[in-house]
Amino acid sequence: MFRKSTWIRLPRDVVVGHGVLDRTVEAVEDLYLDGRPLVVTSPTPNELAGDRVAAAFADAGHDPVRIVVEDASFAEVERVIERAEREEVGFLVGIGGGKPIDIAKMAADRVDRALVSVPTAASHDGIVSGRGSVPEGDTRHSVAADPPVAVIADTEVLADAPWRLTTAGCADIISNYTAVKDWQLAHRLKNVEYSEYAGALSQMTAEMLVGNADSIKQGLEESAWVVVKALVSSGVAMSIAGSSRPASGAEHLISHQLDRIAPGQALHGHQVGVGSILTEYLHSGEDGEWRQVRDALRSIGAPTTAEGLGVDPETMVEAMTTAHSIRDRYTILGDGVSEEAAVEAATVTDVI
């Protein structure tokens, strides 16, 4: 008998475009969220959007509670949880880039409250996904959580964000290109469950950015529109799959290993972008599609070399040869890439 079942959690409302920050309260009321909001942000996003959103909630009679997080840590997650429980808030609003939204997402999951995501930078697909990522020591932990019930992405705000954050978001999406190939490989060789729908959505999103990278320009609001739609699609693909598989393969393992052995050198999106050049070479060889991945990253101004990430060649090779040990997830790295193979891949692709 057929007994398969699934439970897909997706955002109910995704509001994207010029000036939509001022529609945050409207989106919340459309969802019939009750109680006081807890607005979670960090210093710079607080100035960019936090004050406006909190004032809008106050004017609408929602009596917001506010908390500004200083760093990404489990201690800050616990501080937000404590505040949410003490104030008996009805829902949380995460405003910022990766840090405040991930912290708010993890806290909301712990206190069983809904989360509204308000990104101020299109730096990664965590703005809509059901996972939160927080560093601890020399590593980074990815934790499952419910995705936000609403995403309010103001392209005017996103277009004004530092360009390096936008290029990191683009690179994070482009890395889906190889993440899906790793997922398909694991399905063929290890019988890992594969979702054709989620895989196709993730791959299409990556191909869209690879094919249109030359039209993504700094300060152009239309570019922010394209990037944030791609980030939303990537997050939805993960929700459909019920895992991070559509957007996380060997390139993410390499990035996580770089976080361990060369912490703080580069943004996550930039690391997975370079990782995708390498893993695409491992998948398809010298005549494969790694050049398209590299050229797309170059076109938007994202790093394509170890030097661009601020790491030396030896560190990059070490990350490639040891990344398979990060987690039990089968990828093109298999049970480990030899140093000779890693050097060849990094040399041919000009990563080192």
C-alpha atoms as a PDB file:
ATOM      1  CA  MET A   1       0.000   0.000   0.000  1.00  0.00           C
ATOM      2  CA  PHE A   2       1.077   3.574  -0.655  1.00  0.00           C
ATOM      3  CA  ARG A   3       1.752   5.258   2.699  1.00  0.00           C
ATOM      4  CA  LYS A   4       3.850   8.260   1.782  1.00  0.00           C
ATOM      5  CA  SER A   5       2.865  11.621   3.260  1.00  0.00           C
ATOM      6  CA  THR A   6       4.388  15.057   3.619  1.00  0.00           C
ATOM      7  CA  TRP A   7       3.765  18.293   5.501  1.00  0.00           C
ATOM      8  CA  ILE A   8       4.998  21.416   3.708  1.00  0.00           C
ATOM      9  CA  ARG A   9       5.251  24.688   5.611  1.00  0.00           C
ATOM     10  CA  LEU A  10       5.466  27.766   3.400  1.00  0.00           C
ATOM     11  CA  PRO A  11       5.101  31.517   3.973  1.00  0.00           C
ATOM     12  CA  ARG A  12       1.478  32.531   3.548  1.00  0.00           C
ATOM     13  CA  ASP A  13       2.270  36.056   2.401  1.00  0.00           C
ATOM     14  CA  VAL A  14       5.299  37.198   0.410  1.00  0.00           C
ATOM     15  CA  VAL A  15       5.259  40.938  -0.182  1.00  0.00           C
ATOM     16  CA  VAL A  16       8.026  42.182  -2.491  1.00  0.00           C
ATOM     17  CA  GLY A  17       8.597  45.533  -4.146  1.00  0.00           C
ATOM     18  CA  HIS A  18       9.164  49.247  -3.822  1.00  0.00           C
ATOM     19  CA  GLY A  19       8.083  50.761  -0.519  1.00  0.00           C
ATOM     20  CA  VAL A  20       6.477  47.608   0.905  1.00  0.00           C
ATOM     21  CA  LEU A  21       8.221  48.095   4.258  1.00  0.00           C
ATOM     22  CA  ASP A  22       5.337  50.385   5.150  1.00  0.00           C
ATOM     23  CA  ARG A  23       2.909  47.520   4.538  1.00  0.00           C
ATOM     24  CA  THR A  24       4.357  45.319   7.292  1.00  0.00           C
ATOM     25  CA  VAL A  25       1.480  46.000   9.688  1.00  0.00           C
ATOM     26  CA  GLU A  26      -1.020  45.396   6.893  1.00  0.00           C
ATOM     27  CA  ALA A  27       0.571  42.018   6.150  1.00  0.00           C
ATOM     28  CA  VAL A  28       0.465  41.060   9.834  1.00  0.00           C
ATOM     29  CA  GLU A  29      -3.191  42.016  10.120  1.00  0.00           C
ATOM     30  CA  ASP A  30      -3.951  40.050   6.954  1.00  0.00           C
ATOM     31  CA  LEU A  31      -2.624  36.963   8.769  1.00  0.00           C
ATOM     32  CA  TYR A  32      -4.756  37.663  11.878  1.00  0.00           C
ATOM     33  CA  LEU A  33      -1.735  37.458  14.167  1.00  0.00           C
ATOM     34  CA  ASP A  34      -2.714  38.277  17.738  1.00  0.00           C
ATOM     35  CA  GLY A  35      -0.811  39.855  20.607  1.00  0.00           C
ATOM     36  CA  ARG A  36       2.155  42.178  20.846  1.00  0.00           C
ATOM     37  CA  PRO A  37       4.959  41.898  18.304  1.00  0.00           C
ATOM     38  CA  LEU A  38       8.548  41.381  19.415  1.00  0.00           C
ATOM     39  CA  VAL A  39      10.724  43.234  16.910  1.00  0.00           C
ATOM     40  CA  VAL A  40      14.171  41.613  16.706  1.00  0.00           C
ATOM     41  CA  THR A  41      16.878  43.543  14.885  1.00  0.00           C
ATOM     42  CA  SER A  42      20.526  44.561  15.056  1.00  0.00           C
ATOM     43  CA  PRO A  43      22.033  48.074  15.202  1.00  0.00           C
ATOM     44  CA  THR A  44      22.288  48.990  11.510  1.00  0.00           C
ATOM     45  CA  PRO A  45      18.991  47.378  10.383  1.00  0.00           C
ATOM     46  CA  ASN A  46      17.367  49.042  13.387  1.00  0.00           C
ATOM     47  CA  GLU A  47      18.289  52.419  11.918  1.00  0.00           C
ATOM     48  CA  LEU A  48      17.334  51.417   8.376  1.00  0.00           C
ATOM     49  CA  ALA A  49      13.985  49.806   9.081  1.00  0.00           C
ATOM     50  CA  GLY A  50      13.468  48.832  12.732  1.00  0.00           C
ATOM     51  CA  ASP A  51      12.407  52.274  13.910  1.00  0.00           C
ATOM     52  CA  ARG A  52       9.908  52.638  11.042  1.00  0.00           C
ATOM     53  CA  VAL A  53       8.373  49.221  11.553  1.00  0.00           C
ATOM     54  CA  ALA A  54       8.125  49.594  15.341  1.00  0.00           C
ATOM     55  CA  ALA A  55       6.555  53.048  14.948  1.00  0.00           C
ATOM     56  CA  ALA A  56       4.024  51.648  12.470  1.00  0.00           C
ATOM     57  CA  PHE A  57       3.048  48.899  14.914  1.00  0.00           C
ATOM     58  CA  ALA A  58       2.715  51.457  17.716  1.00  0.00           C
ATOM     59  CA  ASP A  59       0.532  53.738  15.574  1.00  0.00           C
ATOM     60  CA  ALA A  60      -1.707  50.763  14.788  1.00  0.00           C
ATOM     61  CA  GLY A  61      -2.101  50.008  18.504  1.00  0.00           C
ATOM     62  CA  HIS A  62       0.006  46.841  18.590  1.00  0.00           C
ATOM     63  CA  ASP A  63       2.323  48.044  21.421  1.00  0.00           C
ATOM     64  CA  PRO A  64       5.573  46.488  20.090  1.00  0.00           C
ATOM     65  CA  VAL A  65       8.394  45.097  22.222  1.00  0.00           C
ATOM     66  CA  ARG A  66      11.888  45.680  20.811  1.00  0.00           C
ATOM     67  CA  ILE A  67      15.218  43.945  21.230  1.00  0.00           C
ATOM     68  CA  VAL A  68      18.508  44.705  19.467  1.00  0.00           C
ATOM     69  CA  VAL A  69      20.933  41.768  19.149  1.00  0.00           C
ATOM     70  CA  GLU A  70      24.642  42.504  19.012  1.00  0.00           C
ATOM     71  CA  ASP A  71      26.020  39.246  17.627  1.00  0.00           C
ATOM     72  CA  ALA A  72      24.933  35.922  16.183  1.00  0.00           C
ATOM     73  CA  SER A  73      25.090  33.424  19.037  1.00  0.00           C
ATOM     74  CA  PHE A  74      22.984  30.940  20.945  1.00  0.00           C
ATOM     75  CA  ALA A  75      23.229  33.291  23.930  1.00  0.00           C
ATOM     76  CA  GLU A  76      21.383  35.931  21.919  1.00  0.00           C
ATOM     77  CA  VAL A  77      18.786  33.353  20.876  1.00  0.00           C
ATOM     78  CA  GLU A  78      18.202  32.575  24.566  1.00  0.00           C
ATOM     79  CA  ARG A  79      17.941  36.305  25.342  1.00  0.00           C
ATOM     80  CA  VAL A  80      15.235  36.728  22.702  1.00  0.00           C
ATOM     81  CA  ILE A  81      13.402  33.640  23.998  1.00  0.00           C
ATOM     82  CA  GLU A  82      13.487  35.001  27.557  1.00  0.00           C
ATOM     83  CA  ARG A  83      12.149  38.364  26.419  1.00  0.00           C
ATOM     84  CA  ALA A  84       9.389  36.776  24.323  1.00  0.00           C
ATOM     85  CA  GLU A  85       8.233  34.647  27.263  1.00  0.00           C
ATOM     86  CA  ARG A  86       8.463  37.466  29.805  1.00  0.00           C
ATOM     87  CA  GLU A  87       6.511  39.924  27.652  1.00  0.00           C
ATOM     88  CA  GLU A  88       4.059  37.226  26.490  1.00  0.00           C
ATOM     89  CA  VAL A  89       4.323  38.380  22.883  1.00  0.00           C
ATOM     90  CA  GLY A  90       2.050  37.066  20.158  1.00  0.00           C
ATOM     91  CA  PHE A  91       4.564  36.869  17.309  1.00  0.00           C
ATOM     92  CA  LEU A  92       8.100  37.894  16.340  1.00  0.00           C
ATOM     93  CA  VAL A  93       9.347  40.178  13.583  1.00  0.00           C
ATOM     94  CA  GLY A  94      12.941  39.665  12.418  1.00  0.00           C
ATOM     95  CA  ILE A  95      14.431  42.703  10.698  1.00  0.00           C
ATOM     96  CA  GLY A  96      17.878  42.709   9.115  1.00  0.00           C
ATOM     97  CA  GLY A  97      20.233  40.459   7.210  1.00  0.00           C
ATOM     98  CA  GLY A  98      21.074  36.936   8.231  1.00  0.00           C
ATOM     99  CA  LYS A  99      21.813  37.502  11.915  1.00  0.00           C
ATOM    100  CA  PRO A 100      18.586  38.994  13.341  1.00  0.00           C
ATOM    101  CA  ILE A 101      16.300  36.915  11.136  1.00  0.00           C
ATOM    102  CA  ASP A 102      18.015  33.623  12.010  1.00  0.00           C
ATOM    103  CA  ILE A 103      17.999  34.481  15.710  1.00  0.00           C
ATOM    104  CA  ALA A 104      14.323  35.498  15.574  1.00  0.00           C
ATOM    105  CA  LYS A 105      13.486  32.358  13.577  1.00  0.00           C
ATOM    106  CA  MET A 106      15.113  30.044  16.106  1.00  0.00           C
ATOM    107  CA  ALA A 107      13.562  31.875  19.063  1.00  0.00           C
ATOM    108  CA  ALA A 108      10.100  31.867  17.462  1.00  0.00           C
ATOM    109  CA  ASP A 109      10.348  28.127  16.934  1.00  0.00           C
ATOM    110  CA  ARG A 110      11.268  27.564  20.598  1.00  0.00           C
ATOM    111  CA  VAL A 111       8.399  29.665  21.976  1.00  0.00           C
ATOM    112  CA  ASP A 112       5.946  28.391  19.346  1.00  0.00           C
ATOM    113  CA  ARG A 113       5.171  31.780  17.867  1.00  0.00           C
ATOM    114  CA  ALA A 114       4.865  32.923  14.267  1.00  0.00           C
ATOM    115  CA  LEU A 115       7.708  34.830  12.618  1.00  0.00           C
ATOM    116  CA  VAL A 116       7.525  37.669  10.106  1.00  0.00           C
ATOM    117  CA  SER A 117      10.739  38.137   8.098  1.00  0.00           C
ATOM    118  CA  VAL A 118      11.729  41.659   7.022  1.00  0.00           C
ATOM    119  CA  PRO A 119      15.107  41.497   5.231  1.00  0.00           C
ATOM    120  CA  THR A 120      17.203  44.639   4.816  1.00  0.00           C
ATOM    121  CA  ALA A 121      19.851  42.824   2.751  1.00  0.00           C
ATOM    122  CA  ALA A 122      19.470  40.083   0.141  1.00  0.00           C
ATOM    123  CA  SER A 123      22.461  38.202   1.493  1.00  0.00           C
ATOM    124  CA  HIS A 124      21.170  34.593   1.682  1.00  0.00           C
ATOM    125  CA  ASP A 125      18.065  32.428   1.405  1.00  0.00           C
ATOM    126  CA  GLY A 126      17.593  32.291   5.174  1.00  0.00           C
ATOM    127  CA  ILE A 127      15.115  35.152   4.840  1.00  0.00           C
ATOM    128  CA  VAL A 128      12.455  32.592   3.897  1.00  0.00           C
ATOM    129  CA  SER A 129      13.834  29.108   4.651  1.00  0.00           C
ATOM    130  CA  GLY A 130      13.008  26.830   7.556  1.00  0.00           C
ATOM    131  CA  ARG A 131      16.544  26.797   8.930  1.00  0.00           C
ATOM    132  CA  GLY A 132      18.533  29.072  11.212  1.00  0.00           C
ATOM    133  CA  SER A 133      22.317  29.260  11.303  1.00  0.00           C
ATOM    134  CA  VAL A 134      24.347  30.479  14.267  1.00  0.00           C
ATOM    135  CA  PRO A 135      28.130  30.229  14.787  1.00  0.00           C
ATOM    136  CA  GLU A 136      29.523  28.566  17.891  1.00  0.00           C
ATOM    137  CA  GLY A 137      33.259  28.618  18.437  1.00  0.00           C
ATOM    138  CA  ASP A 138      35.026  27.685  15.235  1.00  0.00           C
ATOM    139  CA  THR A 139      31.981  26.125  13.587  1.00  0.00           C
ATOM    140  CA  ARG A 140      28.461  27.022  12.512  1.00  0.00           C
ATOM    141  CA  HIS A 141      25.303  25.167  13.500  1.00  0.00           C
ATOM    142  CA  SER A 142      22.307  24.929  11.179  1.00  0.00           C
ATOM    143  CA  VAL A 143      19.083  24.311  13.096  1.00  0.00           C
ATOM    144  CA  ALA A 144      15.663  23.352  11.721  1.00  0.00           C
ATOM    145  CA  ALA A 145      12.856  25.790  12.468  1.00  0.00           C
ATOM    146  CA  ASP A 146       9.505  26.760  11.021  1.00  0.00           C
ATOM    147  CA  PRO A 147       9.802  29.149   8.058  1.00  0.00           C
ATOM    148  CA  PRO A 148       8.372  32.658   8.450  1.00  0.00           C
ATOM    149  CA  VAL A 149       4.637  33.050   7.923  1.00  0.00           C
ATOM    150  CA  ALA A 150       5.284  36.236   5.954  1.00  0.00           C
ATOM    151  CA  VAL A 151       8.194  37.876   4.138  1.00  0.00           C
ATOM    152  CA  ILE A 152       8.227  41.645   3.592  1.00  0.00           C
ATOM    153  CA  ALA A 153      11.054  42.486   1.169  1.00  0.00           C
ATOM    154  CA  ASP A 154      11.324  46.166   0.252  1.00  0.00           C
ATOM    155  CA  THR A 155      13.444  46.436  -2.903  1.00  0.00           C
ATOM    156  CA  GLU A 156      14.188  50.098  -2.183  1.00  0.00           C
ATOM    157  CA  VAL A 157      15.811  49.108   1.115  1.00  0.00           C
ATOM    158  CA  LEU A 158      17.550  46.068  -0.397  1.00  0.00           C
ATOM    159  CA  ALA A 159      19.015  48.096  -3.276  1.00  0.00           C
ATOM    160  CA  ASP A 160      20.684  50.408  -0.742  1.00  0.00           C
ATOM    161  CA  ALA A 161      22.335  47.549   1.159  1.00  0.00           C
ATOM    162  CA  PRO A 162      26.119  47.097   0.803  1.00  0.00           C
ATOM    163  CA  TRP A 163      26.752  45.531  -2.596  1.00  0.00           C
ATOM    164  CA  ARG A 164      28.940  42.776  -1.130  1.00  0.00           C
ATOM    165  CA  LEU A 165      25.877  41.474   0.743  1.00  0.00           C
ATOM    166  CA  THR A 166      23.834  41.354  -2.457  1.00  0.00           C
ATOM    167  CA  THR A 167      26.604  39.563  -4.343  1.00  0.00           C
ATOM    168  CA  ALA A 168      26.785  37.060  -1.470  1.00  0.00           C
ATOM    169  CA  GLY A 169      23.054  36.428  -1.874  1.00  0.00           C
ATOM    170  CA  CYS A 170      23.500  35.916  -5.612  1.00  0.00           C
ATOM    171  CA  ALA A 171      26.370  33.507  -5.031  1.00  0.00           C
ATOM    172  CA  ASP A 172      24.286  31.586  -2.493  1.00  0.00           C
ATOM    173  CA  ILE A 173      21.609  31.076  -5.163  1.00  0.00           C
ATOM    174  CA  ILE A 174      24.119  30.189  -7.882  1.00  0.00           C
ATOM    175  CA  SER A 175      25.477  27.499  -5.556  1.00  0.00           C
ATOM    176  CA  ASN A 176      22.102  25.710  -5.839  1.00  0.00           C
ATOM    177  CA  TYR A 177      23.398  24.679  -9.261  1.00  0.00           C
ATOM    178  CA  THR A 178      25.790  22.166  -7.738  1.00  0.00           C
ATOM    179  CA  ALA A 179      23.734  21.449  -4.616  1.00  0.00           C
ATOM    180  CA  VAL A 180      21.014  19.887  -6.779  1.00  0.00           C
ATOM    181  CA  LYS A 181      23.610  17.803  -8.648  1.00  0.00           C
ATOM    182  CA  ASP A 182      24.877  16.497  -5.302  1.00  0.00           C
ATOM    183  CA  TRP A 183      21.321  15.694  -4.228  1.00  0.00           C
ATOM    184  CA  GLN A 184      20.699  13.780  -7.457  1.00  0.00           C
ATOM    185  CA  LEU A 185      23.988  11.921  -6.994  1.00  0.00           C
ATOM    186  CA  ALA A 186      23.030  10.929  -3.444  1.00  0.00           C
ATOM    187  CA  HIS A 187      19.665   9.740  -4.743  1.00  0.00           C
ATOM    188  CA  ARG A 188      21.300   7.524  -7.378  1.00  0.00           C
ATOM    189  CA  LEU A 189      24.103   6.117  -5.226  1.00  0.00           C
ATOM    190  CA  LYS A 190      22.666   6.158  -1.695  1.00  0.00           C
ATOM    191  CA  ASN A 191      18.924   6.054  -2.324  1.00  0.00           C
ATOM    192  CA  VAL A 192      18.456   9.431  -0.615  1.00  0.00           C
ATOM    193  CA  GLU A 193      14.889  10.620  -1.155  1.00  0.00           C
ATOM    194  CA  TYR A 194      14.725  13.172  -3.962  1.00  0.00           C
ATOM    195  CA  SER A 195      11.949  15.625  -4.805  1.00  0.00           C
ATOM    196  CA  GLU A 196      11.700  16.338  -8.529  1.00  0.00           C
ATOM    197  CA  TYR A 197       9.657  19.457  -7.825  1.00  0.00           C
ATOM    198  CA  ALA A 198      12.001  20.920  -5.219  1.00  0.00           C
ATOM    199  CA  GLY A 199      15.067  20.014  -7.272  1.00  0.00           C
ATOM    200  CA  ALA A 200      13.664  21.562 -10.445  1.00  0.00           C
ATOM    201  CA  LEU A 201      12.648  24.755  -8.638  1.00  0.00           C
ATOM    202  CA  SER A 202      16.079  25.145  -7.046  1.00  0.00           C
ATOM    203  CA  GLN A 203      17.916  24.396 -10.296  1.00  0.00           C
ATOM    204  CA  MET A 204      15.725  26.782 -12.293  1.00  0.00           C
ATOM    205  CA  THR A 205      16.396  29.535  -9.767  1.00  0.00           C
ATOM    206  CA  ALA A 206      20.166  29.056 -10.013  1.00  0.00           C
ATOM    207  CA  GLU A 207      20.084  28.905 -13.808  1.00  0.00           C
ATOM    208  CA  MET A 208      18.059  32.121 -13.879  1.00  0.00           C
ATOM    209  CA  LEU A 209      20.799  33.969 -12.013  1.00  0.00           C
ATOM    210  CA  VAL A 210      23.614  32.348 -13.999  1.00  0.00           C
ATOM    211  CA  GLY A 211      21.895  33.339 -17.239  1.00  0.00           C
ATOM    212  CA  ASN A 212      21.092  36.889 -16.160  1.00  0.00           C
ATOM    213  CA  ALA A 213      24.122  37.741 -14.022  1.00  0.00           C
ATOM    214  CA  ASP A 214      25.239  40.498 -16.393  1.00  0.00           C
ATOM    215  CA  SER A 215      21.990  42.403 -15.759  1.00  0.00           C
ATOM    216  CA  ILE A 216      22.412  42.473 -11.960  1.00  0.00           C
ATOM    217  CA  LYS A 217      23.925  45.858 -11.169  1.00  0.00           C
ATOM    218  CA  GLN A 218      24.784  47.763  -8.004  1.00  0.00           C
ATOM    219  CA  GLY A 219      22.200  50.327  -6.886  1.00  0.00           C
ATOM    220  CA  LEU A 220      19.601  49.107  -9.392  1.00  0.00           C
ATOM    221  CA  GLU A 221      16.306  48.358  -7.675  1.00  0.00           C
ATOM    222  CA  GLU A 222      15.275  45.991 -10.456  1.00  0.00           C
ATOM    223  CA  SER A 223      18.321  43.882  -9.561  1.00  0.00           C
ATOM    224  CA  ALA A 224      17.185  43.699  -5.950  1.00  0.00           C
ATOM    225  CA  TRP A 225      13.808  42.503  -7.245  1.00  0.00           C
ATOM    226  CA  VAL A 226      15.422  39.654  -9.230  1.00  0.00           C
ATOM    227  CA  VAL A 227      17.695  38.586  -6.379  1.00  0.00           C
ATOM    228  CA  VAL A 228      15.061  38.570  -3.652  1.00  0.00           C
ATOM    229  CA  LYS A 229      12.632  36.596  -5.813  1.00  0.00           C
ATOM    230  CA  ALA A 230      15.381  34.028  -6.364  1.00  0.00           C
ATOM    231  CA  LEU A 231      16.085  33.836  -2.621  1.00  0.00           C
ATOM    232  CA  VAL A 232      12.380  33.298  -1.931  1.00  0.00           C
ATOM    233  CA  SER A 233      12.234  30.510  -4.540  1.00  0.00           C
ATOM    234  CA  SER A 234      15.257  28.826  -2.996  1.00  0.00           C
ATOM    235  CA  GLY A 235      13.719  28.953   0.469  1.00  0.00           C
ATOM    236  CA  VAL A 236      10.448  27.541  -0.851  1.00  0.00           C
ATOM    237  CA  ALA A 237      12.343  24.672  -2.505  1.00  0.00           C
ATOM    238  CA  MET A 238      13.824  23.745   0.873  1.00  0.00           C
ATOM    239  CA  SER A 239      10.387  23.840   2.493  1.00  0.00           C
ATOM    240  CA  ILE A 240       8.993  21.546  -0.199  1.00  0.00           C
ATOM    241  CA  ALA A 241      11.907  19.133   0.227  1.00  0.00           C
ATOM    242  CA  GLY A 242      11.714  19.226   4.002  1.00  0.00           C
ATOM    243  CA  SER A 243      15.495  19.669   4.131  1.00  0.00           C
ATOM    244  CA  SER A 244      18.273  21.981   2.972  1.00  0.00           C
ATOM    245  CA  ARG A 245      19.249  19.538   0.205  1.00  0.00           C
ATOM    246  CA  PRO A 246      18.026  21.723  -2.716  1.00  0.00           C
ATOM    247  CA  ALA A 247      20.403  24.499  -1.645  1.00  0.00           C
ATOM    248  CA  SER A 248      23.222  22.796   0.238  1.00  0.00           C
ATOM    249  CA  GLY A 249      25.707  20.300  -1.098  1.00  0.00           C
ATOM    250  CA  ALA A 250      29.481  19.906  -1.206  1.00  0.00           C
ATOM    251  CA  GLU A 251      29.973  23.629  -1.781  1.00  0.00           C
ATOM    252  CA  HIS A 252      28.340  24.304   1.599  1.00  0.00           C
ATOM    253  CA  LEU A 253      30.469  21.648   3.286  1.00  0.00           C
ATOM    254  CA  ILE A 254      33.570  23.394   1.931  1.00  0.00           C
ATOM    255  CA  SER A 255      32.247  26.722   3.233  1.00  0.00           C
ATOM    256  CA  HIS A 256      31.538  25.274   6.684  1.00  0.00           C
ATOM    257  CA  GLN A 257      35.060  23.854   6.794  1.00  0.00           C
ATOM    258  CA  LEU A 258      36.489  27.256   5.847  1.00  0.00           C
ATOM    259  CA  ASP A 259      34.515  28.683   8.781  1.00  0.00           C
ATOM    260  CA  ARG A 260      36.393  26.271  11.017  1.00  0.00           C
ATOM    261  CA  ILE A 261      39.935  26.629   9.726  1.00  0.00           C
ATOM    262  CA  ALA A 262      39.817  30.248   8.500  1.00  0.00           C
ATOM    263  CA  PRO A 263      36.963  31.888  10.439  1.00  0.00           C
ATOM    264  CA  GLY A 264      35.760  35.374   9.613  1.00  0.00           C
ATOM    265  CA  GLN A 265      37.578  35.712   6.306  1.00  0.00           C
ATOM    266  CA  ALA A 266      34.613  35.869   3.934  1.00  0.00           C
ATOM    267  CA  LEU A 267      30.833  35.929   3.732  1.00  0.00           C
ATOM    268  CA  HIS A 268      28.999  32.612   3.596  1.00  0.00           C
ATOM    269  CA  GLY A 269      27.556  33.297   0.143  1.00  0.00           C
ATOM    270  CA  HIS A 270      30.953  34.134  -1.300  1.00  0.00           C
ATOM    271  CA  GLN A 271      32.463  30.945   0.115  1.00  0.00           C
ATOM    272  CA  VAL A 272      29.752  28.697  -1.322  1.00  0.00           C
ATOM    273  CA  GLY A 273      30.100  30.489  -4.667  1.00  0.00           C
ATOM    274  CA  VAL A 274      33.777  29.574  -4.911  1.00  0.00           C
ATOM    275  CA  GLY A 275      32.894  26.114  -3.607  1.00  0.00           C
ATOM    276  CA  SER A 276      30.456  25.727  -6.506  1.00  0.00           C
ATOM    277  CA  ILE A 277      33.183  26.398  -9.069  1.00  0.00           C
ATOM    278  CA  LEU A 278      35.229  23.595  -7.535  1.00  0.00           C
ATOM    279  CA  THR A 279      32.409  21.098  -7.093  1.00  0.00           C
ATOM    280  CA  GLU A 280      31.069  21.712 -10.609  1.00  0.00           C
ATOM    281  CA  TYR A 281      34.545  20.802 -11.886  1.00  0.00           C
ATOM    282  CA  LEU A 282      34.482  17.632  -9.780  1.00  0.00           C
ATOM    283  CA  HIS A 283      31.052  16.761 -11.199  1.00  0.00           C
ATOM    284  CA  SER A 284      31.751  17.345 -14.884  1.00  0.00           C
ATOM    285  CA  GLY A 285      35.480  17.762 -15.464  1.00  0.00           C
ATOM    286  CA  GLU A 286      37.487  20.337 -17.354  1.00  0.00           C
ATOM    287  CA  ASP A 287      34.927  20.671 -20.155  1.00  0.00           C
ATOM    288  CA  GLY A 288      31.989  21.016 -17.764  1.00  0.00           C
ATOM    289  CA  GLU A 289      29.926  24.006 -16.735  1.00  0.00           C
ATOM    290  CA  TRP A 290      32.230  25.380 -14.052  1.00  0.00           C
ATOM    291  CA  ARG A 291      33.158  28.264 -16.378  1.00  0.00           C
ATOM    292  CA  GLN A 292      29.526  29.408 -16.523  1.00  0.00           C
ATOM    293  CA  VAL A 293      29.387  29.383 -12.722  1.00  0.00           C
ATOM    294  CA  ARG A 294      32.689  31.275 -12.464  1.00  0.00           C
ATOM    295  CA  ASP A 295      31.745  33.816 -15.143  1.00  0.00           C
ATOM    296  CA  ALA A 296      28.389  34.522 -13.493  1.00  0.00           C
ATOM    297  CA  LEU A 297      30.122  35.162 -10.171  1.00  0.00           C
ATOM    298  CA  ARG A 298      32.673  37.415 -11.863  1.00  0.00           C
ATOM    299  CA  SER A 299      29.924  39.346 -13.618  1.00  0.00           C
ATOM    300  CA  ILE A 300      28.257  40.359 -10.347  1.00  0.00           C
ATOM    301  CA  GLY A 301      31.580  41.065  -8.651  1.00  0.00           C
ATOM    302  CA  ALA A 302      31.637  38.069  -6.313  1.00  0.00           C
ATOM    303  CA  PRO A 303      34.956  36.336  -5.485  1.00  0.00           C
ATOM    304  CA  THR A 304      36.037  33.424  -7.673  1.00  0.00           C
ATOM    305  CA  THR A 305      39.399  32.612  -6.055  1.00  0.00           C
ATOM    306  CA  ALA A 306      40.827  31.643  -2.691  1.00  0.00           C
ATOM    307  CA  GLU A 307      42.641  34.965  -2.659  1.00  0.00           C
ATOM    308  CA  GLY A 308      39.337  36.757  -3.183  1.00  0.00           C
ATOM    309  CA  LEU A 309      38.034  34.994  -0.068  1.00  0.00           C
ATOM    310  CA  GLY A 310      41.098  36.020   1.904  1.00  0.00           C
ATOM    311  CA  VAL A 311      42.450  32.485   2.319  1.00  0.00           C
ATOM    312  CA  ASP A 312      45.701  30.961   1.078  1.00  0.00           C
ATOM    313  CA  PRO A 313      45.867  28.039  -1.382  1.00  0.00           C
ATOM    314  CA  GLU A 314      46.860  25.551   1.318  1.00  0.00           C
ATOM    315  CA  THR A 315      43.793  26.439   3.374  1.00  0.00           C
ATOM    316  CA  MET A 316      41.495  26.010   0.378  1.00  0.00           C
ATOM    317  CA  VAL A 317      42.958  22.594  -0.403  1.00  0.00           C
ATOM    318  CA  GLU A 318      42.641  21.571   3.238  1.00  0.00           C
ATOM    319  CA  ALA A 319      38.973  22.603   3.226  1.00  0.00           C
ATOM    320  CA  MET A 320      38.329  20.551   0.084  1.00  0.00           C
ATOM    321  CA  THR A 321      40.014  17.419   1.408  1.00  0.00           C
ATOM    322  CA  THR A 322      38.378  17.482   4.853  1.00  0.00           C
ATOM    323  CA  ALA A 323      34.924  18.969   4.177  1.00  0.00           C
ATOM    324  CA  HIS A 324      33.299  15.544   3.757  1.00  0.00           C
ATOM    325  CA  SER A 325      33.686  14.995   7.518  1.00  0.00           C
ATOM    326  CA  ILE A 326      31.496  17.986   8.421  1.00  0.00           C
ATOM    327  CA  ARG A 327      28.213  16.069   8.349  1.00  0.00           C
ATOM    328  CA  ASP A 328      26.695  12.814   7.179  1.00  0.00           C
ATOM    329  CA  ARG A 329      25.548  14.087   3.780  1.00  0.00           C
ATOM    330  CA  TYR A 330      26.659  12.300   0.631  1.00  0.00           C
ATOM    331  CA  THR A 331      28.032  14.627  -2.069  1.00  0.00           C
ATOM    332  CA  ILE A 332      30.540  14.586  -4.904  1.00  0.00           C
ATOM    333  CA  LEU A 333      33.223  14.700  -2.192  1.00  0.00           C
ATOM    334  CA  GLY A 334      32.302  11.107  -1.302  1.00  0.00           C
ATOM    335  CA  ASP A 335      34.439   9.832   1.562  1.00  0.00           C
ATOM    336  CA  GLY A 336      37.121  12.416   0.854  1.00  0.00           C
ATOM    337  CA  VAL A 337      38.956  14.017  -2.058  1.00  0.00           C
ATOM    338  CA  SER A 338      42.684  13.392  -2.290  1.00  0.00           C
ATOM    339  CA  GLU A 339      45.077  16.309  -2.024  1.00  0.00           C
ATOM    340  CA  GLU A 340      46.200  15.725  -5.607  1.00  0.00           C
ATOM    341  CA  ALA A 341      42.633  15.849  -6.909  1.00  0.00           C
ATOM    342  CA  ALA A 342      41.868  18.964  -4.853  1.00  0.00           C
ATOM    343  CA  VAL A 343      44.958  20.757  -6.145  1.00  0.00           C
ATOM    344  CA  GLU A 344      44.102  19.806  -9.720  1.00  0.00           C
ATOM    345  CA  ALA A 345      40.522  21.077  -9.423  1.00  0.00           C
ATOM    346  CA  ALA A 346      41.573  24.326  -7.770  1.00  0.00           C
ATOM    347  CA  THR A 347      44.388  24.887 -10.263  1.00  0.00           C
ATOM    348  CA  VAL A 348      42.432  24.172 -13.443  1.00  0.00           C
ATOM    349  CA  THR A 349      39.597  26.463 -12.308  1.00  0.00           C
ATOM    350  CA  ASP A 350      42.052  29.205 -11.236  1.00  0.00           C
ATOM    351  CA  VAL A 351      40.717  29.120  -7.683  1.00  0.00           C
ATOM    352  CA  ILE A 352      44.343  28.895  -6.515  1.00  0.00           C
END
